[in-house]
C-alpha atoms as a PDB file:
ATOM      1  CA  MET A   1     114.302 103.406  99.330  1.00  0.00           C
ATOM      2  CA  THR A   2     112.668 104.988 102.386  1.00  0.00           C
ATOM      3  CA  ARG A   3     114.073 104.900 105.916  1.00  0.00           C
ATOM      4  CA  ILE A   4     111.353 102.411 106.899  1.00  0.00           C
ATOM      5  CA  ASP A   5     112.352 100.172 103.960  1.00  0.00           C
ATOM      6  CA  ARG A   6     116.047 100.412 104.891  1.00  0.00           C
ATOM      7  CA  ILE A   7     115.323  99.540 108.516  1.00  0.00           C
ATOM      8  CA  ARG A   8     113.166  96.584 107.469  1.00  0.00           C
ATOM      9  CA  ALA A   9     115.811  95.319 105.025  1.00  0.00           C
ATOM     10  CA  THR A  10     118.607  95.635 107.588  1.00  0.00           C
ATOM     11  CA  LEU A  11     116.656  93.798 110.276  1.00  0.00           C
ATOM     12  CA  GLU A  12     115.578  91.047 107.891  1.00  0.00           C
ATOM     13  CA  ALA A  13     119.165  90.537 106.725  1.00  0.00           C
ATOM     14  CA  GLN A  14     120.719  90.497 110.191  1.00  0.00           C
ATOM     15  CA  PHE A  15     118.064  88.777 112.307  1.00  0.00           C
ATOM     16  CA  ALA A  16     115.933  86.667 109.902  1.00  0.00           C
ATOM     17  CA  PRO A  17     112.791  87.472 111.894  1.00  0.00           C
ATOM     18  CA  VAL A  18     109.722  85.265 111.914  1.00  0.00           C
ATOM     19  CA  ALA A  19     107.642  88.400 112.576  1.00  0.00           C
ATOM     20  CA  LEU A  20     108.549  92.023 111.914  1.00  0.00           C
ATOM     21  CA  ALA A  21     106.667  95.321 112.066  1.00  0.00           C
ATOM     22  CA  VAL A  22     108.410  98.652 111.461  1.00  0.00           C
ATOM     23  CA  ILE A  23     106.097 101.535 112.355  1.00  0.00           C
ATOM     24  CA  ASP A  24     106.651 105.237 111.663  1.00  0.00           C
ATOM     25  CA  GLU A  25     105.544 107.109 114.790  1.00  0.00           C
ATOM     26  CA  SER A  26     107.075 110.433 113.766  1.00  0.00           C
ATOM     27  CA  GLY A  27     103.728 112.193 113.421  1.00  0.00           C
ATOM     28  CA  ALA A  28     102.936 111.558 117.083  1.00  0.00           C
ATOM     29  CA  HIS A  29     106.102 113.407 118.078  1.00  0.00           C
ATOM     30  CA  ALA A  30     105.606 116.628 116.113  1.00  0.00           C
ATOM     31  CA  GLY A  31     107.075 119.511 118.080  1.00  0.00           C
ATOM     32  CA  HIS A  32     109.136 117.229 120.306  1.00  0.00           C
ATOM     33  CA  SER A  33     112.908 116.999 120.439  1.00  0.00           C
ATOM     34  CA  GLY A  34     114.377 115.430 117.337  1.00  0.00           C
ATOM     35  CA  ALA A  35     111.194 115.678 115.279  1.00  0.00           C
ATOM     36  CA  ARG A  36     111.681 117.147 111.813  1.00  0.00           C
ATOM     37  CA  PRO A  37     108.632 117.744 109.596  1.00  0.00           C
ATOM     38  CA  GLY A  38     108.495 115.417 106.619  1.00  0.00           C
ATOM     39  CA  GLU A  39     111.173 113.051 107.972  1.00  0.00           C
ATOM     40  CA  VAL A  40     110.960 109.666 109.651  1.00  0.00           C
ATOM     41  CA  THR A  41     112.610 110.358 113.011  1.00  0.00           C
ATOM     42  CA  HIS A  42     110.689 108.155 115.467  1.00  0.00           C
ATOM     43  CA  VAL A  43     110.230 104.448 114.743  1.00  0.00           C
ATOM     44  CA  ARG A  44     108.812 101.468 116.642  1.00  0.00           C
ATOM     45  CA  VAL A  45     110.068  97.960 115.830  1.00  0.00           C
ATOM     46  CA  ARG A  46     108.220  94.814 116.873  1.00  0.00           C
ATOM     47  CA  MET A  47     110.306  91.783 116.009  1.00  0.00           C
ATOM     48  CA  THR A  48     110.446  88.091 116.852  1.00  0.00           C
ATOM     49  CA  SER A  49     113.651  86.292 115.916  1.00  0.00           C
ATOM     50  CA  ALA A  50     115.424  83.090 116.882  1.00  0.00           C
ATOM     51  CA  ALA A  51     118.571  85.235 117.065  1.00  0.00           C
ATOM     52  CA  PHE A  52     117.223  86.561 120.380  1.00  0.00           C
ATOM     53  CA  ALA A  53     116.892  83.142 122.045  1.00  0.00           C
ATOM     54  CA  GLY A  54     118.749  83.169 125.346  1.00  0.00           C
ATOM     55  CA  ALA A  55     119.666  86.866 125.068  1.00  0.00           C
ATOM     56  CA  THR A  56     118.690  89.380 127.724  1.00  0.00           C
ATOM     57  CA  ARG A  57     116.421  92.302 126.888  1.00  0.00           C
ATOM     58  CA  VAL A  58     119.413  94.639 127.000  1.00  0.00           C
ATOM     59  CA  ALA A  59     121.497  92.400 124.719  1.00  0.00           C
ATOM     60  CA  ARG A  60     118.639  92.251 122.199  1.00  0.00           C
ATOM     61  CA  GLN A  61     118.284  96.035 122.192  1.00  0.00           C
ATOM     62  CA  ARG A  62     122.026  96.578 121.848  1.00  0.00           C
ATOM     63  CA  ALA A  63     122.145  94.226 118.860  1.00  0.00           C
ATOM     64  CA  VAL A  64     119.328  96.072 117.087  1.00  0.00           C
ATOM     65  CA  ASN A  65     120.774  99.502 117.905  1.00  0.00           C
ATOM     66  CA  ALA A  66     124.150  98.400 116.517  1.00  0.00           C
ATOM     67  CA  ALA A  67     122.503  97.061 113.355  1.00  0.00           C
ATOM     68  CA  LEU A  68     120.764 100.407 112.822  1.00  0.00           C
ATOM     69  CA  ALA A  69     123.710 102.675 113.706  1.00  0.00           C
ATOM     70  CA  ALA A  70     123.813 104.103 110.171  1.00  0.00           C
ATOM     71  CA  GLU A  71     120.173 105.201 110.486  1.00  0.00           C
ATOM     72  CA  PHE A  72     120.929 107.027 113.728  1.00  0.00           C
ATOM     73  CA  ASP A  73     123.870 108.705 111.993  1.00  0.00           C
ATOM     74  CA  ALA A  74     121.486 109.746 109.185  1.00  0.00           C
ATOM     75  CA  GLY A  75     118.913 111.379 111.477  1.00  0.00           C
ATOM     76  CA  LEU A  76     116.867 108.672 113.193  1.00  0.00           C
ATOM     77  CA  HIS A  77     116.129 110.184 116.612  1.00  0.00           C
ATOM     78  CA  ALA A  78     114.153 107.571 118.543  1.00  0.00           C
ATOM     79  CA  LEU A  79     113.701 103.814 118.314  1.00  0.00           C
ATOM     80  CA  ALA A  80     111.165 101.958 120.449  1.00  0.00           C
ATOM     81  CA  LEU A  81     111.852  98.229 120.561  1.00  0.00           C
ATOM     82  CA  GLU A  82     109.649  95.241 121.315  1.00  0.00           C
ATOM     83  CA  LEU A  83     111.920  92.232 120.782  1.00  0.00           C
ATOM     84  CA  ASP A  84     111.115  88.584 121.437  1.00  0.00           C
ATOM     85  CA  ALA A  85     112.400  85.110 120.708  1.00  0.00           C
ATOM     86  CA  PRO A  86     109.913  82.593 119.317  1.00  0.00           C
ATOM     87  CA  PRO A  87     108.422  80.141 121.836  1.00  0.00           C
ATOM     88  CA  ALA A  88     110.623  77.132 122.438  1.00  0.00           C
END
């Protein structure tokens, strides 16, 4: 299972999103801090989940960062987050 697959599976299990995109942006960061050739080190997540209803932007980001702590421990360097709740 790839890092992208693991991230997707973790987010689906913990947040039951209605929309989810997990995008590898590592190639755009070649030569930058944390970039390692051939590895997924920079990821963007776009997710809409009812779990975010009523939560602040910071609370949403903290929840996702906590859910993906194991990926950071395993070499994930950067995570860009676009997190929304579905319209009421």
